[in-house]
Protein backbone atom coordinates (compact mmCIF):
# COMPACT_ATOMS: atom_id res chain seq x y z
CA MET A 1 23.22 -13.77 -4.00
CA SER A 2 25.28 -12.18 -1.20
CA ASP A 3 23.90 -11.67 2.30
CA ARG A 4 23.72 -7.90 1.67
CA GLU A 5 21.94 -8.33 -1.67
CA LEU A 6 19.54 -10.77 -0.05
CA SER A 7 18.83 -8.32 2.76
CA LYS A 8 18.11 -5.45 0.33
CA SER A 9 15.84 -7.71 -1.70
CA VAL A 10 13.82 -8.56 1.40
CA TYR A 11 13.48 -4.86 2.27
CA PHE A 12 12.07 -4.00 -1.13
CA ASP A 13 9.68 -6.93 -0.96
CA LEU A 14 8.39 -5.81 2.44
CA LEU A 15 8.06 -2.08 1.80
CA PRO A 16 4.80 -2.06 -0.24
CA TRP A 17 3.12 -4.34 2.31
CA ILE A 18 3.57 -2.03 5.31
CA PRO A 19 0.40 0.09 5.67
CA LEU A 20 1.25 3.56 4.41
CA ASP A 21 -0.56 5.31 7.25
CA ALA A 22 0.74 3.25 10.17
CA ARG A 23 1.31 5.36 13.28
CA ARG A 24 3.71 2.97 15.05
CA VAL A 25 5.93 0.35 13.39
CA LEU A 26 8.13 -2.25 15.08
CA GLU A 27 10.81 -4.05 13.07
CA LEU A 28 12.74 -6.99 14.47
CA GLY A 29 16.19 -7.53 13.02
CA CYS A 30 16.33 -4.22 11.15
CA GLY A 31 19.86 -4.71 9.80
CA ASP A 32 21.36 -1.41 8.69
CA GLY A 33 18.00 0.37 8.78
CA ALA A 34 17.42 0.35 5.01
CA LEU A 35 13.74 -0.57 5.30
CA ALA A 36 13.15 2.02 8.01
CA ALA A 37 14.76 4.74 5.88
CA LEU A 38 12.63 3.83 2.87
CA TYR A 39 9.41 3.69 4.88
CA LYS A 40 10.05 6.98 6.69
CA ARG A 41 10.36 8.66 3.30
CA ARG A 42 6.79 7.53 2.65
CA ASN A 43 5.44 8.15 6.12
CA PRO A 44 7.52 10.70 8.05
CA ASP A 45 4.88 10.82 10.81
CA ALA A 46 5.28 7.19 11.82
CA GLU A 47 7.17 6.28 14.98
CA TYR A 48 9.56 3.58 13.81
CA VAL A 49 10.99 1.35 16.55
CA ALA A 50 13.65 -1.19 15.60
CA VAL A 51 15.40 -4.04 17.37
CA GLU A 52 18.83 -5.17 16.20
CA ALA A 53 21.33 -7.34 18.07
CA ASP A 54 24.34 -6.83 15.79
CA GLU A 55 26.34 -3.83 17.05
CA SER A 56 27.63 -2.69 13.64
CA HIS A 57 24.18 -2.98 12.08
CA ALA A 58 22.61 -1.14 15.00
CA ASP A 59 25.04 1.76 14.63
CA ALA A 60 24.23 2.02 10.92
CA ALA A 61 20.47 1.83 11.55
CA ARG A 62 20.26 4.36 14.37
CA PRO A 63 19.95 7.52 12.16
CA SER A 64 17.05 5.97 10.22
CA VAL A 65 14.78 5.04 13.13
CA ASP A 66 13.04 6.90 15.94
CA ARG A 67 14.13 4.40 18.55
CA LEU A 68 16.63 1.57 18.36
CA ILE A 69 16.92 -1.26 20.86
CA GLU A 70 20.28 -2.97 20.58
CA ALA A 71 19.39 -6.47 21.71
CA ASP A 72 17.96 -9.77 20.61
CA PHE A 73 14.21 -9.37 21.03
CA ILE A 74 13.77 -12.77 22.67
CA THR A 75 16.14 -11.74 25.47
CA LEU A 76 13.98 -8.76 26.52
CA THR A 77 12.16 -9.13 29.81
CA ALA A 78 8.37 -9.09 29.96
CA ALA A 79 8.53 -5.60 31.46
CA GLU A 80 10.81 -4.36 28.65
CA VAL A 81 8.46 -5.80 26.04
CA ALA A 82 5.40 -4.25 27.70
CA GLU A 83 7.18 -0.88 27.86
CA LEU A 84 7.32 -0.82 24.05
CA GLY A 85 3.58 -0.20 23.85
CA GLN A 86 1.33 -1.30 21.00
CA PHE A 87 1.94 -1.12 17.27
CA ASP A 88 -0.04 -0.95 14.07
CA VAL A 89 2.37 -3.30 12.36
CA VAL A 90 5.29 -5.55 13.30
CA VAL A 91 7.77 -6.33 10.52
CA LEU A 92 9.67 -9.62 10.39
CA GLY A 93 12.02 -9.82 7.43
CA ASP A 94 13.24 -13.45 7.41
CA VAL A 95 13.13 -13.44 11.22
CA LEU A 96 11.01 -16.54 11.92
CA VAL A 97 13.54 -18.79 10.19
CA ARG A 98 16.15 -17.84 12.78
CA GLN A 99 13.98 -18.68 15.79
CA GLN A 100 14.36 -21.87 17.77
CA ASP A 101 10.82 -21.28 19.06
CA PRO A 102 8.81 -19.28 16.49
CA ARG A 103 5.60 -19.86 18.43
CA ALA A 104 6.91 -18.14 21.54
CA LEU A 105 7.99 -15.13 19.52
CA LEU A 106 4.64 -14.85 17.72
CA GLU A 107 2.67 -15.15 20.94
CA THR A 108 4.73 -12.34 22.46
CA LEU A 109 4.18 -10.17 19.37
CA ALA A 110 0.42 -10.76 19.52
CA GLY A 111 0.35 -8.76 22.74
CA LEU A 112 2.07 -5.82 21.05
CA LEU A 113 -0.52 -5.37 18.30
CA LYS A 114 -3.32 -2.83 18.32
CA PRO A 115 -6.83 -4.21 17.65
CA PHE A 116 -6.45 -3.81 13.87
CA GLY A 117 -2.71 -4.48 13.98
CA GLN A 118 -0.90 -6.96 11.78
CA ILE A 119 2.43 -8.60 11.26
CA VAL A 120 4.15 -8.40 7.86
CA LEU A 121 6.75 -11.07 7.24
CA THR A 122 8.92 -12.82 4.73
CA THR A 123 10.32 -16.32 5.02
CA PRO A 124 12.44 -18.47 2.69
CA ASN A 125 10.59 -21.31 0.97
CA ALA A 126 11.72 -24.72 2.18
CA ALA A 127 10.32 -26.29 -1.00
CA HIS A 128 12.33 -24.14 -3.43
CA TRP A 129 13.88 -26.19 -6.23
CA SER A 130 17.43 -25.46 -5.02
CA ALA A 131 16.66 -26.82 -1.54
CA ILE A 132 15.24 -30.04 -3.03
CA ALA A 133 18.11 -30.33 -5.50
CA GLY A 134 20.62 -29.77 -2.72
CA LEU A 135 19.15 -32.63 -0.69
CA ILE A 136 19.17 -34.94 -3.70
CA SER A 137 22.69 -34.09 -4.83
CA GLY A 138 24.27 -33.60 -1.42
CA THR A 139 25.58 -30.17 -2.48
CA GLU A 140 25.05 -26.74 -0.94
CA LEU A 141 22.86 -25.30 -3.70
CA ALA A 142 20.40 -24.01 -1.14
CA ALA A 143 23.08 -22.21 0.81
CA ALA A 144 24.44 -20.68 -2.38
CA ARG A 145 21.03 -19.15 -3.07
CA GLY A 146 20.68 -17.74 0.43
CA LEU A 147 17.91 -20.20 1.30
CA ALA A 148 19.78 -22.08 3.99
CA ASP A 149 22.72 -21.81 6.32
CA ARG A 150 24.41 -23.81 9.05
CA SER A 151 22.77 -22.03 11.99
CA GLY A 152 19.96 -24.48 12.54
CA ALA A 153 17.39 -22.23 10.87
CA ARG A 154 13.77 -23.39 10.60
CA PHE A 155 12.28 -23.20 7.11
CA PHE A 156 8.65 -23.15 6.02
CA THR A 157 6.54 -24.03 3.06
CA LEU A 158 3.50 -21.77 2.65
CA ASN A 159 1.23 -24.36 4.26
CA ALA A 160 3.67 -24.84 7.14
CA LEU A 161 3.80 -21.07 7.63
CA ARG A 162 0.00 -20.88 7.80
CA GLU A 163 -0.06 -23.70 10.34
CA ALA A 164 2.68 -22.13 12.48
CA LEU A 165 0.82 -18.83 12.54
CA ALA A 166 -2.47 -20.53 13.35
CA ARG A 167 -0.92 -22.37 16.31
CA SER A 168 0.25 -19.01 17.62
CA GLY A 169 -3.15 -17.35 17.37
CA PHE A 170 -2.82 -15.68 13.96
CA HIS A 171 -4.54 -16.10 10.63
CA VAL A 172 -2.99 -15.17 7.28
CA GLU A 173 -4.78 -12.25 5.60
CA ARG A 174 -2.88 -12.50 2.32
CA ALA A 175 0.25 -14.16 1.01
CA ARG A 176 2.10 -14.45 -2.25
CA PRO A 177 5.30 -16.06 -3.54
CA ILE A 178 8.39 -14.03 -4.34
CA ARG A 179 10.33 -15.31 -7.31
CA SER A 180 14.00 -14.56 -7.92
CA PRO A 181 15.76 -14.64 -11.31
CA GLU A 182 16.74 -18.18 -12.23
CA GLY A 183 19.86 -19.39 -14.04
CA PRO A 184 21.27 -22.49 -15.76
CA GLU A 185 21.00 -24.65 -12.62
CA ALA A 186 17.26 -24.02 -12.47
CA GLU A 187 16.87 -24.87 -16.15
CA ARG A 188 18.62 -28.17 -15.50
CA TRP A 189 16.86 -29.14 -12.29
CA LEU A 190 13.28 -27.93 -12.67
CA PRO A 191 12.23 -30.36 -15.45
CA ILE A 192 13.81 -33.28 -13.55
CA LEU A 193 12.02 -32.36 -10.32
CA ALA A 194 8.72 -31.65 -12.08
CA ASN A 195 8.83 -35.07 -13.78
CA ALA A 196 9.45 -36.75 -10.42
CA ALA A 197 6.58 -34.80 -8.84
CA GLU A 198 4.25 -35.87 -11.66
CA GLN A 199 5.20 -39.50 -11.23
CA ALA A 200 4.35 -39.15 -7.53
CA GLY A 201 0.87 -37.91 -8.45
CA ILE A 202 1.55 -34.21 -7.76
CA ASN A 203 0.13 -31.63 -10.16
CA ARG A 204 3.03 -30.46 -12.32
CA THR A 205 1.90 -26.83 -12.58
CA ALA A 206 1.29 -26.54 -8.84
CA PHE A 207 4.69 -28.07 -8.11
CA LEU A 208 6.52 -25.66 -10.43
CA GLN A 209 4.74 -22.67 -8.91
CA GLN A 210 5.87 -23.75 -5.46
CA ALA A 211 9.38 -24.79 -6.48
CA GLN A 212 10.12 -21.40 -8.11
CA ALA A 213 9.12 -19.36 -5.07
CA SER A 214 12.35 -18.38 -3.33
CA ARG A 215 10.40 -16.98 -0.39
CA TYR A 216 6.90 -16.00 0.72
CA ILE A 217 5.59 -12.69 1.92
CA ALA A 218 2.48 -12.56 4.08
CA THR A 219 0.40 -10.44 6.40
CA ALA A 220 -1.31 -11.95 9.42
CA ARG A 221 -3.63 -10.74 12.16
CA ARG A 222 -4.67 -12.16 15.49
CA THR A 223 -7.48 -14.67 15.23
CA GLY A 224 -10.66 -13.02 16.46
CA ALA A 225 -9.37 -9.47 16.02
CA PRO A 226 -11.80 -6.85 14.63
CA SER A 227 -12.12 -7.03 10.87
CA SER A 228 -13.51 -5.05 7.96
CA PRO A 229 -15.14 -6.48 4.82
CA LEU A 230 -12.63 -7.00 2.03
CA ILE A 231 -13.08 -4.63 -0.92
CA HIS A 232 -11.48 -4.70 -4.37
CA VAL A 233 -10.40 -1.39 -5.94
CA HIS A 234 -9.61 -1.39 -9.65
CA PHE A 235 -8.01 1.52 -11.51
CA ALA A 236 -8.17 2.00 -15.28
CA ALA A 237 -5.48 4.54 -16.20
CA MET A 238 -6.48 5.80 -19.62
CA ALA A 239 -4.03 8.76 -19.67
CA PRO A 240 -1.28 7.85 -17.17
CA ASP A 241 1.54 9.99 -18.58
CA PHE A 242 2.78 12.58 -16.05
CA LEU A 243 -0.12 11.67 -13.76
CA ASP A 244 1.54 9.24 -11.36
CA VAL A 245 0.09 11.12 -8.37
CA ARG A 246 -3.43 10.47 -9.69
CA THR A 247 -2.96 6.93 -10.99
CA HIS A 248 -0.60 4.21 -9.81
CA LEU A 249 0.74 5.93 -6.65
CA PRO A 250 -2.67 6.18 -4.90
CA MET A 251 -3.25 2.56 -5.88
CA GLU A 252 0.09 1.54 -4.38
CA ALA A 253 -0.94 3.33 -1.21
CA LEU A 254 -4.31 1.56 -1.11
CA ALA A 255 -2.69 -1.82 -1.76
CA SER A 256 -0.92 -1.55 1.60
CA GLU A 257 -4.17 -0.96 3.48
CA PHE A 258 -5.85 -3.62 5.58
CA GLY A 259 -8.95 -5.04 3.89
CA VAL A 260 -8.19 -3.69 0.41
CA ARG A 261 -7.13 -5.56 -2.73
CA THR A 262 -6.22 -3.69 -5.88
CA SER A 263 -5.75 -4.16 -9.61
CA TYR A 264 -4.50 -1.77 -12.27
CA ARG A 265 -4.71 -1.54 -16.04
CA VAL A 266 -3.26 0.98 -18.47
CA ARG A 267 -5.28 2.29 -21.42
CA SER A 268 -7.99 -0.32 -21.04
CA ALA A 269 -11.41 0.19 -19.47
CA ASN A 270 -12.09 -3.55 -19.36
CA LEU A 271 -12.89 -4.58 -15.80
CA PRO A 272 -11.48 -7.66 -14.05
CA ASP A 273 -13.71 -10.71 -14.01
CA LEU A 274 -14.58 -10.90 -10.30
CA PRO A 275 -17.50 -12.68 -8.64
CA SER A 276 -20.61 -10.49 -8.56
CA ASP A 277 -20.81 -10.67 -4.75
CA VAL A 278 -17.29 -9.26 -4.20
CA PRO A 279 -17.57 -5.64 -2.96
CA LYS A 280 -15.73 -3.77 -5.69
CA ILE A 281 -15.20 -0.32 -7.09
CA ALA A 282 -13.76 0.73 -10.45
CA ILE A 283 -12.00 4.06 -10.95
CA ILE A 284 -11.93 5.08 -14.60
CA GLN A 285 -9.50 7.87 -15.42
CA ARG A 286 -9.94 10.46 -18.16
CA ILE A 287 -12.01 8.72 -20.80
CA LEU A 288 -13.31 11.15 -23.42
CA ALA A 289 -16.93 10.08 -23.89
CA GLN A 290 -17.67 10.90 -27.50
CA ASP A 291 -20.60 8.50 -27.56
CA GLU A 292 -22.94 8.74 -24.60
CA ARG A 293 -24.81 5.63 -25.73
CA TYR A 294 -21.58 3.66 -25.47
CA TRP A 295 -21.05 4.88 -21.92
CA ARG A 296 -24.53 3.95 -20.79
CA GLU A 297 -24.04 0.48 -22.21
CA TYR A 298 -20.66 0.26 -20.47
CA MET A 299 -22.19 1.36 -17.16
CA ASN A 300 -25.03 -1.13 -17.50
CA ARG A 301 -22.54 -3.97 -17.93
CA ALA A 302 -20.56 -2.74 -14.93
CA ARG A 303 -23.69 -2.32 -12.79
CA HIS A 304 -24.94 -5.82 -13.53
CA ALA A 305 -21.51 -7.23 -12.64
CA GLY A 306 -21.73 -5.53 -9.23
CA TRP A 307 -19.31 -2.65 -9.81
CA THR A 308 -19.55 0.82 -8.32
CA VAL A 309 -17.93 3.13 -10.88
CA VAL A 310 -16.03 6.34 -10.11
CA TYR A 311 -14.75 8.75 -12.76
CA GLU A 312 -11.26 10.16 -12.02
CA ILE A 313 -10.68 13.58 -13.58
CA ASP A 314 -8.02 16.14 -12.64
CA ASP A 315 -8.76 18.85 -15.23
CA HIS A 316 -11.94 20.70 -16.11
CA PRO A 317 -13.76 18.89 -18.95
CA ASP A 318 -13.67 22.04 -21.07
CA LEU A 319 -9.87 22.20 -20.76
CA ILE A 320 -9.52 18.53 -21.72
CA GLY A 321 -11.71 19.17 -24.76
CA GLN A 322 -9.65 22.22 -25.67
CA VAL A 323 -6.35 20.34 -25.38
CA HIS A 324 -7.67 17.54 -27.58
CA GLN A 325 -9.05 20.12 -30.05
CA THR A 326 -12.59 18.87 -29.68
CA ASP A 327 -15.68 20.89 -30.39
CA ALA A 328 -18.41 21.99 -28.00
CA GLN A 329 -20.33 18.76 -28.48
CA MET A 330 -17.26 16.74 -27.48
CA ARG A 331 -16.71 18.86 -24.38
CA ALA A 332 -20.37 18.49 -23.42
CA ALA A 333 -20.13 14.72 -23.86
CA THR A 334 -17.06 14.65 -21.64
CA ARG A 335 -18.95 16.52 -18.95
CA ILE A 336 -21.90 14.14 -19.29
CA SER A 337 -19.61 11.15 -18.80
CA VAL A 338 -18.62 12.63 -15.44
CA THR A 339 -22.00 13.78 -14.21
CA TYR A 340 -24.51 11.38 -15.66
CA ASN A 341 -22.85 8.12 -16.51
CA CYS A 342 -20.94 7.19 -13.33
CA HIS A 343 -21.98 6.58 -9.76
CA ALA A 344 -19.49 9.17 -8.49
CA ALA A 345 -16.43 11.21 -9.44
CA GLN A 346 -13.14 12.14 -7.80
CA THR A 347 -10.86 15.04 -8.59
CA SER A 348 -7.87 17.02 -7.36
CA THR A 349 -9.31 20.36 -6.17
CA GLU A 350 -12.40 21.46 -4.30
CA MET A 351 -13.00 24.14 -6.95
CA LEU A 352 -13.24 21.51 -9.68
CA ALA A 353 -15.31 19.25 -7.44
CA GLU A 354 -17.87 22.04 -7.00
CA ALA A 355 -18.09 22.49 -10.76
CA LEU A 356 -18.69 18.78 -11.26
CA ARG A 357 -21.33 18.59 -8.51
CA GLU A 358 -23.65 20.67 -10.69
CA LYS A 359 -25.15 17.46 -12.07
CA ASN A 360 -23.92 14.80 -9.65
CA PRO A 361 -23.46 15.64 -5.96
CA GLU A 362 -21.30 12.56 -5.31
CA VAL A 363 -17.86 14.07 -6.00
CA ALA A 364 -14.82 13.86 -3.71
CA ALA A 365 -11.78 16.12 -3.89
CA PHE A 366 -8.49 14.37 -3.07
CA SER A 367 -5.71 16.93 -3.35
CA ASN A 368 -2.54 15.84 -5.09
CA CYS A 369 0.07 14.57 -2.65
CA VAL A 370 3.69 13.51 -2.46
CA PHE A 371 4.11 9.74 -2.14
CA ASP A 372 7.71 9.66 -0.95
CA LEU A 373 9.86 12.52 0.36
CA PRO A 374 13.68 12.36 0.08
CA PRO A 375 15.75 14.07 2.80
CA PHE A 376 16.23 17.80 2.32
CA ALA A 377 19.70 18.83 1.15
CA PRO A 378 20.81 22.52 1.16
CA ARG A 379 22.44 23.86 -2.01
CA PRO A 380 25.18 26.47 -2.51
CA GLY A 381 23.12 28.75 -4.75
CA VAL A 382 21.17 29.02 -8.00
CA ARG A 383 22.85 27.50 -11.03
CA ARG A 384 20.04 25.70 -12.86
CA VAL A 385 16.46 26.78 -13.54
CA PHE A 386 13.74 24.35 -14.64
CA TYR A 387 10.68 24.87 -16.77
CA GLY A 388 8.50 22.07 -18.08
CA ALA A 389 4.85 22.11 -19.09
CA LEU A 390 2.29 20.94 -21.62
CA ASN A 391 -0.03 23.13 -23.68
CA ARG A 392 0.94 26.57 -22.35
CA GLU A 393 3.00 27.85 -25.28
CA ALA A 394 1.40 31.27 -25.86
CA PHE A 395 1.64 32.56 -22.28
CA SER A 396 4.90 30.83 -21.40
CA SER A 397 6.77 32.41 -24.31
CA GLN A 398 5.81 35.86 -22.99
CA ILE A 399 7.31 35.00 -19.59
CA ALA A 400 10.46 33.62 -21.23
CA ALA A 401 10.99 36.89 -23.08
CA ALA A 402 10.43 38.87 -19.85
CA LEU A 403 13.48 37.12 -18.30
CA GLU A 404 15.87 39.12 -20.50
CA PRO A 405 16.95 41.56 -17.72
CA PHE A 406 17.89 38.67 -15.47
CA LEU A 407 19.73 36.77 -18.19
CA ALA A 408 21.69 39.87 -19.17
CA SER A 409 22.95 40.31 -15.60
CA ASP A 410 23.89 36.72 -14.72
CA PRO A 411 25.92 34.69 -17.23
CA ASP A 412 26.19 31.50 -15.17
CA VAL A 413 22.59 30.29 -14.80
CA HIS A 414 21.52 27.47 -17.14
CA PHE A 415 17.91 26.72 -18.11
CA GLU A 416 16.50 23.20 -18.46
CA VAL A 417 13.33 23.21 -20.59
CA VAL A 418 11.13 20.14 -21.06
CA HIS A 419 8.59 19.86 -23.87
CA ASP A 420 7.62 23.53 -24.29
CA ARG A 421 9.51 24.55 -27.42
CA ALA A 422 7.91 28.00 -27.52
CA PHE A 423 9.31 28.84 -24.06
CA PHE A 424 12.73 27.52 -25.05
CA ASP A 425 12.86 29.49 -28.30
CA ALA A 426 11.74 32.69 -26.55
CA LEU A 427 14.46 32.50 -23.87
CA PRO A 428 16.99 35.19 -24.82
CA THR A 429 20.07 33.13 -23.93
CA THR A 430 22.26 30.36 -25.28
CA ARG A 431 22.64 28.86 -21.79
CA LYS A 432 19.72 26.49 -22.19
CA THR A 433 18.96 22.85 -22.93
CA PHE A 434 15.79 21.58 -24.56
CA ARG A 435 14.50 18.12 -23.76
CA PRO A 436 11.46 16.60 -25.48
CA ARG A 437 8.64 15.05 -23.51
CA ARG A 438 9.97 12.16 -21.45
CA PRO A 439 8.83 9.54 -18.89
CA TYR A 440 7.74 11.01 -15.57
CA ALA A 441 10.70 9.61 -13.63
CA ASP A 442 13.14 11.23 -16.10
CA TYR A 443 11.19 14.49 -15.96
CA MET A 444 11.46 14.50 -12.17
CA ALA A 445 15.18 13.68 -12.32
CA VAL A 446 15.80 16.75 -14.49
CA MET A 447 13.77 18.90 -12.08
CA ALA A 448 15.61 17.52 -9.05
CA ALA A 449 18.92 18.66 -10.53
CA CYS A 450 17.66 22.26 -10.68
CA ASP A 451 17.57 24.93 -7.98
CA VAL A 452 14.53 26.95 -9.10
CA VAL A 453 11.33 25.87 -10.87
CA LEU A 454 9.19 28.26 -12.92
CA SER A 455 5.45 27.73 -13.36
CA PRO A 456 3.76 30.48 -15.39
CA LEU A 457 0.02 29.83 -15.72
CA GLU A 458 -2.39 32.29 -17.26
CA GLY A 459 -5.39 30.85 -15.43
CA LEU A 460 -7.97 31.44 -18.15
CA GLY A 461 -10.96 29.15 -18.64
CA GLY A 462 -10.38 25.61 -17.47
CA GLU A 463 -6.81 26.38 -16.34
CA ALA A 464 -8.19 28.02 -13.21
CA TYR A 465 -9.31 24.58 -12.02
CA LYS A 466 -5.85 22.99 -12.21
CA SER A 467 -4.03 21.71 -9.13
CA ASP A 468 -0.79 22.87 -7.51
CA ILE A 469 1.02 19.63 -8.30
CA LYS A 470 4.11 21.32 -9.75
CA PHE A 471 4.71 23.14 -6.47
CA LEU A 472 4.67 19.79 -4.67
CA GLU A 473 7.07 18.29 -7.21
CA ALA A 474 9.46 21.25 -6.87
CA SER A 475 9.31 21.23 -3.07
CA ARG A 476 9.94 17.48 -2.95
CA ALA A 477 13.02 18.04 -5.12
CA GLY A 478 14.32 20.79 -2.81
CA ALA A 479 13.82 23.53 -5.41
CA VAL A 480 12.20 26.96 -4.98
CA MET A 481 9.15 27.68 -7.12
CA ILE A 482 8.31 30.99 -8.76
CA ALA A 483 4.72 30.79 -9.95
CA SER A 484 1.79 32.76 -11.27
CA PRO A 485 -0.97 33.66 -8.80
CA ALA A 486 -3.42 31.50 -10.77
CA VAL A 487 -3.76 28.17 -8.94
CA TYR A 488 -0.66 28.69 -6.74
CA GLU A 489 -1.62 31.74 -4.72
CA THR A 490 -3.72 29.69 -2.29
CA THR A 491 -0.81 27.31 -1.59
CA ILE A 492 2.42 29.30 -1.81
CA LYS A 493 3.17 31.79 0.96
CA ASP A 494 4.89 34.51 -1.04
CA GLY A 495 8.47 34.94 0.14
CA VAL A 496 8.12 32.08 2.64
CA THR A 497 7.52 28.83 0.73
CA GLY A 498 8.04 30.25 -2.76
CA PHE A 499 7.45 33.37 -4.83
CA ILE A 500 4.33 34.62 -6.61
CA ALA A 501 5.06 36.58 -9.80
CA ARG A 502 2.10 38.89 -10.51
CA GLU A 503 3.62 40.93 -13.32
CA PRO A 504 5.88 39.86 -16.22
CA GLY A 505 8.79 41.78 -14.70
CA ASP A 506 8.45 39.92 -11.38
CA TRP A 507 9.97 36.72 -12.81
CA ALA A 508 13.35 38.35 -13.45
CA LYS A 509 13.27 40.18 -10.12
CA ARG A 510 12.57 37.02 -8.12
CA LEU A 511 15.33 35.09 -9.87
CA SER A 512 17.79 37.94 -9.32
CA ARG A 513 16.97 38.01 -5.63
CA LEU A 514 17.55 34.27 -5.26
CA ILE A 515 20.92 34.66 -6.97
CA ALA A 516 21.89 37.53 -4.68
CA GLU A 517 20.72 35.75 -1.50
CA PRO A 518 21.70 32.04 -1.65
CA ASP A 519 20.76 31.53 2.01
CA LEU A 520 17.25 32.76 1.19
CA ARG A 521 16.99 30.11 -1.51
CA ASN A 522 17.72 27.37 1.04
CA THR A 523 15.42 28.90 3.66
CA ILE A 524 12.47 29.02 1.25
CA ALA A 525 13.19 25.57 -0.17
CA ARG A 526 13.30 24.09 3.34
CA ALA A 527 10.06 25.82 4.34
CA ALA A 528 8.34 24.39 1.24
CA TRP A 529 9.75 20.92 1.98
CA ASP A 530 8.49 21.18 5.58
CA TYR A 531 5.03 22.19 4.31
CA VAL A 532 4.85 19.12 2.08
CA LYS A 533 5.99 16.88 4.93
CA ALA A 534 3.41 18.32 7.32
CA GLU A 535 0.43 18.74 5.00
CA ARG A 536 0.70 17.04 1.63
CA MET A 537 1.86 13.45 2.01
CA MET A 538 -0.13 10.53 0.61
CA CYS A 539 0.15 8.75 3.97
CA LYS A 540 -2.22 11.38 5.39
CA GLN A 541 -4.82 10.82 2.68
CA VAL A 542 -4.93 7.11 1.98
CA ALA A 543 -7.38 6.35 4.80
CA ALA A 544 -9.81 8.98 3.51
CA ARG A 545 -9.71 7.44 0.05
CA ARG A 546 -10.26 3.95 1.43
CA ASP A 547 -13.14 5.06 3.64
CA TRP A 548 -14.84 6.97 0.80
CA TYR A 549 -14.64 3.93 -1.47
CA ARG A 550 -16.12 1.78 1.29
CA SER A 551 -18.94 4.28 1.75
CA LEU A 552 -19.71 4.25 -1.97
CA ILE A 553 -19.86 0.46 -1.99
CA ASP A 554 -22.10 0.50 1.09
CA ARG A 555 -24.43 3.01 -0.64
CA ARG A 556 -24.32 1.32 -4.02
CA ALA A 557 -28.08 0.78 -4.24
CA GLU A 558 -28.70 4.45 -3.49
CA LEU A 559 -26.08 5.59 -6.01
CA ASP A 560 -27.45 3.22 -8.62
CA ALA A 561 -30.96 4.61 -8.17
CA ALA A 562 -29.62 8.16 -8.54
CA LEU A 563 -27.78 7.16 -11.72
CA LEU A 564 -30.93 5.66 -13.24
CA ALA A 565 -32.86 8.80 -12.28
CA ARG A 566 -30.32 10.95 -14.13
CA TRP A 567 -30.70 8.78 -17.18
CA ALA A 568 -34.48 8.99 -17.00
CA ALA A 569 -34.26 12.79 -16.82
CA ALA A 570 -32.06 12.91 -19.92
CA PRO A 571 -33.13 10.03 -22.19
CA LEU A 572 -31.02 9.20 -25.20
CA PRO A 573 -32.49 10.27 -28.55
């Protein structure tokens, strides 16, 4: 692995461990600023300060950080260090191994941390198989794998790292091994080394786990610093397709938070086997409760295992029932699963939250958010128009037909249509491409290649409770949205951050205007991008989610009593 590949690998290992809502971040040895650039996409509000001694690296990193100090950190005077202020997190990507006196560095960093601050670090594993094999064979296997060099670096096992941190006034909050792909050399050496370890009385499995860790990643806090009880948040994603912003992305955000551990399962409501005294909360997404008796039995098992259970739902139960072609009894059962059979519920809009509170007041509305925001890039004009949606065929085909005046006047615009065949067939043009339903990342890639996004929504029945997620997706991609007033009117500022099309003829008029005024397209797209950056980033919401989950766990006895009262008021036949 080259030095550059190794550096990029470390950045990607570190990124998920940096708290998403950190206000101030300090990185020592930032290299070319790759980690800073990635993190600032997730948290544009953070002040990112970096220290880098290499001149060429510092020049490359400067555009990605808010402040760059071109120096070796250990050469800074006490006054220069104090002038930096305090930070929520200090990042050390393979920095300790290059220190002649790691303890002195750590003790200095302790003074730069806020009360709840932490350091996030990686360090190569001194007990990796290649390091041991290199010592035995007298070769440079370790150097070839990027685990050692000739600079007098200091290497750590996990236990040695814990001890070094403890001597410097820190305790490890969490740590895990990072394993790199292995090749033929590993296949040759690992059995030999494992046999030798066994003969020395060392557990073979434990040895192999340690020997295959190329490095460790850990978070540490000052000993005696304020702490919060550790909670475990589990998410069961029963319908994850196209719902990344409601499923794994919030969980990735929570996983970076201090005092939170997470787990995630797809299409399985089985809960992890955790000790009953661990404070824990389960979020169950979109289960259609055809059998209320089953759900009460499920909840009883969860309750007795110490779980607080939250139902995650982003559409009105009636709409979910309609989409799945269920009858009124099925829709009623779905509503009951939300209101009666869980401790609480969470959803994407306040309007839907109010509807769900009819039977259970414990409902939180967490608006959909953008997890990571690429830089905005102006475009020369409108050449591609995107439309993609599920279950809107009747209304969308009417809007497609209404685009005829626009299509007759502009021969160069191409339409990208995902999933909705009725819309595609009704478009009166041959300049169109149909793509079947696809993974979310591919769907977003198609959207990102387009200049305008259309979102016709009739807003009848349960549709009125939907969220404005497509506007966020379009704005993140740098596209301009033209949308129906249903759902979007409260978010889009007409003519400023997008267009509202109130009549069928408005869709063609808005597209024609964007074609005629390319600068307007960029102005509106930038205003929408700025709105997302200022108001709708996950980094602004993750603390509210964490704190609500903590409050539910703290009030578990109260919520449990309310659940049992609901059951008593509506006994099963």
